[in-house]
Amino acid sequence: MERANQFVGSSLAFLDAVERASRAAPLNRPVLVIGERGTGKELIAERLHHLSTRWSGPLVTMNCAALPETLIEAELFGHEAGSFTGAAKTRAGRFEEADGGTLFLDELATLSSPAQDRLLRAVEYGEVTRIGASKPISVDVRIVAATNEHLPTLVQQGRFRADLLDRLSFEVVTLPPLRAREGDIALLADHFGRRMAVELDWPNWPGFGKEALQRLENYDWPGNVRELRNVVERAVYRAEDPEREVTKINFDPFRSPWSPLSVRPVSEEPPEDDEPVSTAPTETVEPAVTLETDDFKGSVADYEAQLIKAALEKNRYNQRATAEALGLSYDQLRHAMKRLKLNADAS
């Protein structure tokens, strides 16, 4: 089955990362894949495996952040029956499962210090010892690891082993965020739009309208390709006429005029037992606005500008605090200010 988020793109930054991975693939050396969430780190790991001499062997994936710290080592290295509470049967770990192939460790930076120690030994000596066992087991595994953290900084902070980083960083492939991939947003939007149109049994793919495509291009995409795919598929699914261009884009499906109001800010201390709880909604920014019925878009833009100006003033022009007060990300606020041509001091 074709991957829904296969490699699509023509930007130099993207193609350089893919080429770097392709050159490293045939070598039997560890590779680190660095990138923000949603940039395609797992796809790079798959490419490294399938273009290697291990392509016929297993590709085993483990998300290091998906398991509690107490189970990470048992999952990686296996365990003998009775070695800890709940270990009713002997179980091989991910290293043994990946013997002769590739082990992809996602969210590497979340590994505990003891797990890092054992991982280092496995990488250096090609041996793993199941929990509760006395004899090591030889394994032939290539490590590909991914993270969105800056590992050298974690080393300086004492949160990651320097010698483990040295062993894993034979090659480092850093994936560019979508906002840095010039020209790729339109390509990806068309790709995901076509796929969704096929899934919905549309007779043809009409594409996106000019303004909708411009909105996609101007957005910062903190969730990168994964977020773009969701936004595009949602837009196509909600389109009312499959014969006409898709014109409506919704970046945040949680935004609604009927969203529940918080009783008090999350950071506020809870009341004492004998203190009455206020049921009044938190204060919101509600600037006055005069609506011009003959210029709907202009009126909406004016209202947005007044909301942002009022929130900036209330938060003493601290943009991060303003973004939080408005329920936006910092990047979304900056984009809105740029679009509405508002200065940082709201003057």
Protein backbone atom coordinates (compact mmCIF):
# COMPACT_ATOMS: atom_id res chain seq x y z
CA MET A 1 0.00 0.00 0.00
CA GLU A 2 1.29 3.48 -0.89
CA ARG A 3 2.25 5.57 2.09
CA ALA A 4 -0.09 8.54 2.56
CA ASN A 5 2.81 10.73 3.61
CA GLN A 6 5.41 9.54 1.13
CA PHE A 7 8.26 11.83 0.12
CA VAL A 8 6.92 14.72 -1.94
CA GLY A 9 8.93 17.88 -2.50
CA SER A 10 11.40 19.68 -4.72
CA SER A 11 12.98 22.27 -2.43
CA LEU A 12 16.76 22.21 -2.15
CA ALA A 13 16.68 21.89 1.65
CA PHE A 14 14.42 18.83 1.44
CA LEU A 15 16.27 17.16 -1.42
CA ASP A 16 19.61 17.68 0.34
CA ALA A 17 18.35 15.82 3.43
CA VAL A 18 16.99 12.96 1.34
CA GLU A 19 20.25 12.72 -0.62
CA ARG A 20 22.27 12.66 2.61
CA ALA A 21 20.16 9.76 3.87
CA SER A 22 20.49 7.93 0.56
CA ARG A 23 24.30 8.19 0.63
CA ALA A 24 24.46 6.90 4.21
CA ALA A 25 22.03 4.02 3.62
CA PRO A 26 24.48 1.39 2.23
CA LEU A 27 26.93 1.88 5.10
CA ASN A 28 26.58 -0.32 8.15
CA ARG A 29 26.81 2.63 10.55
CA PRO A 30 24.38 4.33 12.97
CA VAL A 31 22.47 7.37 11.74
CA LEU A 32 20.73 10.10 13.73
CA VAL A 33 17.67 11.75 12.19
CA ILE A 34 16.88 15.17 13.64
CA GLY A 35 13.76 17.21 12.96
CA GLU A 36 10.65 18.84 14.33
CA ARG A 37 7.51 16.77 14.82
CA GLY A 38 5.79 15.89 11.58
CA THR A 39 8.83 16.37 9.33
CA GLY A 40 9.08 12.72 8.25
CA LYS A 41 11.76 11.20 10.46
CA GLU A 42 10.24 7.71 10.26
CA LEU A 43 10.16 7.92 6.45
CA ILE A 44 13.88 8.69 6.45
CA ALA A 45 14.46 5.67 8.72
CA GLU A 46 12.56 3.49 6.25
CA ARG A 47 14.64 4.86 3.39
CA LEU A 48 17.86 4.12 5.26
CA HIS A 49 16.73 0.54 5.78
CA HIS A 50 15.34 -0.22 2.31
CA LEU A 51 18.39 1.21 0.51
CA SER A 52 20.80 -0.71 2.74
CA THR A 53 22.23 -4.20 2.41
CA ARG A 54 19.83 -5.14 5.22
CA TRP A 55 16.73 -4.44 3.12
CA SER A 56 15.59 -8.09 3.30
CA GLY A 57 15.95 -8.14 7.09
CA PRO A 58 13.47 -6.79 9.65
CA LEU A 59 12.85 -3.10 10.29
CA VAL A 60 11.81 -2.87 13.93
CA THR A 61 10.46 0.41 15.30
CA MET A 62 10.27 1.46 18.92
CA ASN A 63 8.99 4.78 20.26
CA CYS A 64 11.06 5.38 23.39
CA ALA A 65 8.51 7.88 24.72
CA ALA A 66 5.56 5.51 24.43
CA LEU A 67 6.53 3.24 27.35
CA PRO A 68 7.02 3.95 31.06
CA GLU A 69 10.64 4.13 32.16
CA THR A 70 10.32 0.87 34.11
CA LEU A 71 9.52 -1.10 30.93
CA ILE A 72 11.91 0.51 28.43
CA GLU A 73 14.84 -1.79 29.18
CA ALA A 74 12.68 -4.92 29.12
CA GLU A 75 11.22 -3.84 25.78
CA LEU A 76 14.64 -3.11 24.27
CA PHE A 77 16.64 -6.04 25.63
CA GLY A 78 14.02 -8.62 26.57
CA HIS A 79 13.55 -10.48 29.85
CA GLU A 80 13.58 -13.94 31.37
CA ALA A 81 10.50 -15.47 32.95
CA GLY A 82 10.13 -14.37 36.57
CA SER A 83 12.71 -11.60 36.30
CA PHE A 84 10.19 -9.04 37.57
CA THR A 85 6.55 -8.83 38.56
CA GLY A 86 4.38 -9.64 35.55
CA ALA A 87 7.15 -11.35 33.57
CA ALA A 88 5.36 -14.68 33.27
CA LYS A 89 7.17 -15.74 30.09
CA THR A 90 10.59 -15.25 28.55
CA ARG A 91 10.43 -12.56 25.88
CA ALA A 92 12.91 -11.41 23.28
CA GLY A 93 13.55 -7.67 23.10
CA ARG A 94 13.53 -5.33 20.10
CA PHE A 95 17.26 -5.86 19.56
CA GLU A 96 16.77 -9.59 19.07
CA GLU A 97 13.74 -8.99 16.85
CA ALA A 98 15.84 -6.68 14.65
CA ASP A 99 18.76 -9.10 14.33
CA GLY A 100 20.05 -8.92 10.76
CA GLY A 101 18.10 -5.73 10.11
CA THR A 102 17.52 -2.21 11.41
CA LEU A 103 16.26 -0.96 14.76
CA PHE A 104 14.63 2.47 14.59
CA LEU A 105 14.55 4.21 17.98
CA ASP A 106 12.16 7.17 17.84
CA GLU A 107 12.21 9.87 20.54
CA LEU A 108 15.73 8.78 21.53
CA ALA A 109 16.23 11.69 23.94
CA THR A 110 13.58 10.31 26.31
CA LEU A 111 15.66 7.24 27.22
CA SER A 112 16.56 7.00 30.90
CA SER A 113 20.18 7.03 32.02
CA PRO A 114 20.26 3.25 32.76
CA ALA A 115 18.74 2.52 29.35
CA GLN A 116 21.35 4.73 27.71
CA ASP A 117 24.09 2.77 29.49
CA ARG A 118 22.80 -0.55 28.20
CA LEU A 119 22.19 0.84 24.72
CA LEU A 120 25.81 2.00 24.56
CA ARG A 121 27.05 -1.49 25.41
CA ALA A 122 24.78 -3.04 22.80
CA VAL A 123 26.04 -0.65 20.12
CA GLU A 124 29.70 -1.05 21.05
CA TYR A 125 29.86 -4.81 21.52
CA GLY A 126 26.89 -6.13 19.52
CA GLU A 127 25.57 -7.89 22.61
CA VAL A 128 22.43 -7.63 24.71
CA THR A 129 21.57 -9.29 27.99
CA ARG A 130 17.95 -9.98 28.82
CA ILE A 131 16.77 -8.75 32.20
CA GLY A 132 17.22 -11.62 34.64
CA ALA A 133 19.71 -13.46 32.39
CA SER A 134 23.41 -14.02 33.06
CA LYS A 135 24.69 -14.58 29.53
CA PRO A 136 24.71 -12.01 26.72
CA ILE A 137 23.22 -12.67 23.29
CA SER A 138 25.04 -11.56 20.13
CA VAL A 139 22.97 -9.41 17.76
CA ASP A 140 23.69 -7.86 14.38
CA VAL A 141 21.63 -4.67 14.33
CA ARG A 142 22.00 -1.29 12.67
CA ILE A 143 20.72 1.60 14.78
CA VAL A 144 18.78 4.50 13.30
CA ALA A 145 17.58 6.93 15.95
CA ALA A 146 15.43 10.06 15.78
CA THR A 147 14.69 13.00 18.02
CA ASN A 148 13.47 16.58 17.91
CA GLU A 149 15.91 17.56 20.66
CA HIS A 150 19.36 19.12 20.29
CA LEU A 151 21.39 16.25 21.72
CA PRO A 152 24.69 18.17 22.24
CA THR A 153 22.76 20.53 24.53
CA LEU A 154 21.36 17.56 26.47
CA VAL A 155 24.93 16.28 26.85
CA GLN A 156 25.98 19.63 28.34
CA GLN A 157 23.02 19.44 30.73
CA GLY A 158 23.98 15.91 31.82
CA ARG A 159 20.79 14.40 30.38
CA PHE A 160 22.42 12.38 27.61
CA ARG A 161 25.63 10.38 27.51
CA ALA A 162 28.39 11.99 25.46
CA ASP A 163 29.93 8.63 24.54
CA LEU A 164 26.57 7.31 23.34
CA LEU A 165 26.09 10.40 21.20
CA ASP A 166 29.55 9.87 19.73
CA ARG A 167 28.71 6.27 18.81
CA LEU A 168 25.33 7.12 17.23
CA SER A 169 26.29 10.23 15.27
CA PHE A 170 28.32 8.72 12.42
CA GLU A 171 25.90 10.60 10.19
CA VAL A 172 23.28 13.14 11.20
CA VAL A 173 20.42 13.87 8.82
CA THR A 174 18.56 17.04 9.78
CA LEU A 175 15.15 17.44 8.17
CA PRO A 176 14.04 20.99 7.35
CA PRO A 177 10.72 22.22 8.74
CA LEU A 178 7.97 22.72 6.19
CA ARG A 179 8.19 26.52 6.50
CA ALA A 180 11.76 26.31 5.15
CA ARG A 181 10.84 24.14 2.15
CA GLU A 182 10.26 26.75 -0.53
CA GLY A 183 7.61 25.68 -3.02
CA ASP A 184 6.81 22.38 -1.31
CA ILE A 185 3.62 23.49 0.48
CA ALA A 186 1.70 23.80 -2.81
CA LEU A 187 3.05 20.45 -4.03
CA LEU A 188 2.12 18.66 -0.82
CA ALA A 189 -1.30 20.33 -0.63
CA ASP A 190 -2.10 19.17 -4.17
CA HIS A 191 -0.78 15.67 -3.39
CA PHE A 192 -2.88 15.23 -0.26
CA GLY A 193 -5.88 16.92 -1.87
CA ARG A 194 -5.83 14.51 -4.80
CA ARG A 195 -5.59 11.51 -2.49
CA MET A 196 -8.54 12.71 -0.43
CA ALA A 197 -10.59 13.42 -3.55
CA VAL A 198 -10.00 9.82 -4.69
CA GLU A 199 -11.01 8.52 -1.26
CA LEU A 200 -14.24 10.56 -1.48
CA ASP A 201 -14.92 9.25 -5.02
CA TRP A 202 -14.78 12.70 -6.57
CA PRO A 203 -14.83 12.52 -10.39
CA ASN A 204 -11.96 15.03 -10.62
CA TRP A 205 -9.66 17.03 -8.39
CA PRO A 206 -10.51 20.74 -8.85
CA GLY A 207 -7.61 21.97 -6.74
CA PHE A 208 -7.46 24.83 -4.27
CA GLY A 209 -8.61 28.37 -4.94
CA LYS A 210 -5.97 31.07 -5.19
CA GLU A 211 -6.78 32.65 -1.80
CA ALA A 212 -6.95 29.26 -0.06
CA LEU A 213 -3.58 28.29 -1.49
CA GLN A 214 -2.14 31.62 -0.39
CA ARG A 215 -3.36 30.98 3.16
CA LEU A 216 -1.67 27.59 3.13
CA GLU A 217 1.55 29.20 1.89
CA ASN A 218 1.49 31.92 4.57
CA TYR A 219 0.85 29.58 7.52
CA ASP A 220 3.85 28.63 9.72
CA TRP A 221 3.00 24.92 10.06
CA PRO A 222 4.27 24.10 13.58
CA GLY A 223 3.14 20.51 12.97
CA ASN A 224 4.86 20.42 9.57
CA VAL A 225 3.82 17.87 6.91
CA ARG A 226 1.62 15.89 9.30
CA GLU A 227 -0.36 19.03 10.16
CA LEU A 228 -0.58 20.06 6.50
CA ARG A 229 -2.03 16.70 5.58
CA ASN A 230 -4.73 17.01 8.25
CA VAL A 231 -5.64 20.57 7.22
CA VAL A 232 -5.82 19.67 3.53
CA GLU A 233 -7.84 16.49 4.03
CA ARG A 234 -10.26 18.33 6.33
CA ALA A 235 -10.71 21.12 3.78
CA VAL A 236 -11.45 18.66 0.97
CA TYR A 237 -13.78 16.57 3.11
CA ARG A 238 -15.77 19.66 4.14
CA ALA A 239 -15.98 21.10 0.63
CA GLU A 240 -19.60 21.30 -0.51
CA ASP A 241 -19.13 21.01 -4.26
CA PRO A 242 -16.59 18.55 -5.69
CA GLU A 243 -16.77 20.33 -9.05
CA ARG A 244 -15.51 23.65 -7.69
CA GLU A 245 -12.14 24.68 -6.24
CA VAL A 246 -11.66 24.19 -2.51
CA THR A 247 -11.76 27.65 -0.95
CA LYS A 248 -12.29 27.17 2.80
CA ILE A 249 -9.36 26.35 5.07
CA ASN A 250 -9.67 25.57 8.77
CA PHE A 251 -6.30 25.41 10.53
CA ASP A 252 -7.72 24.77 14.01
CA PRO A 253 -10.76 22.46 14.24
CA PHE A 254 -11.04 23.19 17.98
CA ARG A 255 -11.82 26.87 17.51
CA SER A 256 -15.53 27.48 17.86
CA PRO A 257 -17.80 30.26 19.14
CA TRP A 258 -19.34 27.62 21.39
CA SER A 259 -16.11 26.42 22.99
CA PRO A 260 -16.57 26.03 26.77
CA LEU A 261 -15.26 28.90 28.90
CA SER A 262 -12.80 28.22 31.72
CA VAL A 263 -14.00 29.05 35.22
CA ARG A 264 -10.57 30.45 36.11
CA PRO A 265 -7.07 30.48 34.64
CA VAL A 266 -5.25 27.15 34.91
CA SER A 267 -2.32 28.79 36.72
CA GLU A 268 -4.57 30.11 39.49
CA GLU A 269 -4.38 28.29 42.83
CA PRO A 270 -7.49 26.25 43.73
CA PRO A 271 -9.79 27.83 46.37
CA GLU A 272 -9.79 26.75 50.00
CA ASP A 273 -12.53 24.31 51.07
CA ASP A 274 -14.55 27.07 52.70
CA GLU A 275 -14.00 29.57 49.88
CA PRO A 276 -16.86 29.88 47.38
CA VAL A 277 -15.98 29.03 43.80
CA SER A 278 -16.74 31.74 41.31
CA THR A 279 -18.81 30.61 38.36
CA ALA A 280 -18.23 33.80 36.38
CA PRO A 281 -16.34 33.34 33.14
CA THR A 282 -12.87 34.77 32.85
CA GLU A 283 -12.59 38.27 31.47
CA THR A 284 -12.34 38.34 27.70
CA VAL A 285 -11.20 41.04 25.33
CA GLU A 286 -14.28 42.47 23.61
CA PRO A 287 -13.46 45.65 21.73
CA ALA A 288 -16.26 47.54 20.12
CA VAL A 289 -16.55 47.19 16.38
CA THR A 290 -18.77 48.71 13.77
CA LEU A 291 -19.79 46.20 11.14
CA GLU A 292 -20.09 47.36 7.56
CA THR A 293 -22.53 44.98 5.88
CA ASP A 294 -21.20 45.82 2.44
CA ASP A 295 -17.62 44.81 3.33
CA PHE A 296 -17.74 41.57 5.30
CA LYS A 297 -14.05 40.66 4.86
CA GLY A 298 -12.94 44.16 5.80
CA SER A 299 -15.14 44.14 8.90
CA VAL A 300 -13.76 40.78 10.00
CA ALA A 301 -10.19 42.04 9.52
CA ASP A 302 -10.97 45.21 11.50
CA TYR A 303 -12.43 43.13 14.31
CA GLU A 304 -9.37 40.85 14.37
CA ALA A 305 -7.10 43.87 14.53
CA GLN A 306 -9.04 45.41 17.40
CA LEU A 307 -8.99 42.12 19.32
CA ILE A 308 -5.24 41.83 18.94
CA LYS A 309 -4.61 45.48 19.80
CA ALA A 310 -6.73 45.22 22.95
CA ALA A 311 -5.02 41.99 24.00
CA LEU A 312 -1.56 43.45 23.37
CA GLU A 313 -2.36 46.48 25.50
CA LYS A 314 -3.80 44.34 28.29
CA ASN A 315 -0.67 42.13 28.29
CA ARG A 316 1.72 45.10 28.11
CA TYR A 317 2.72 44.17 24.55
CA ASN A 318 4.19 40.84 25.60
CA GLN A 319 3.44 38.87 22.45
CA ARG A 320 3.71 35.41 23.98
CA ALA A 321 1.32 36.36 26.78
CA THR A 322 -0.98 37.95 24.21
CA ALA A 323 -0.98 34.81 22.08
CA GLU A 324 -1.87 32.69 25.11
CA ALA A 325 -4.68 35.08 26.08
CA LEU A 326 -6.15 34.83 22.58
CA GLY A 327 -5.81 31.06 22.40
CA LEU A 328 -3.21 31.26 19.63
CA SER A 329 0.31 29.98 19.24
CA TYR A 330 3.08 32.58 19.15
CA ASP A 331 3.64 31.89 15.45
CA GLN A 332 -0.08 32.26 14.70
CA LEU A 333 -0.15 35.64 16.45
CA ARG A 334 2.91 36.84 14.57
CA HIS A 335 1.37 35.74 11.28
CA ALA A 336 -1.91 37.51 12.09
CA MET A 337 -0.07 40.72 13.02
CA LYS A 338 1.88 40.57 9.76
CA ARG A 339 -1.27 39.93 7.74
CA LEU A 340 -3.13 42.79 9.44
CA LYS A 341 -0.07 45.04 9.21
CA LEU A 342 0.10 45.61 12.98
CA ASN A 343 3.35 46.80 14.54
CA ALA A 344 4.77 45.04 17.59
CA ASP A 345 3.68 47.99 19.76
CA ALA A 346 0.16 47.93 18.22
CA SER A 347 0.47 51.56 17.30
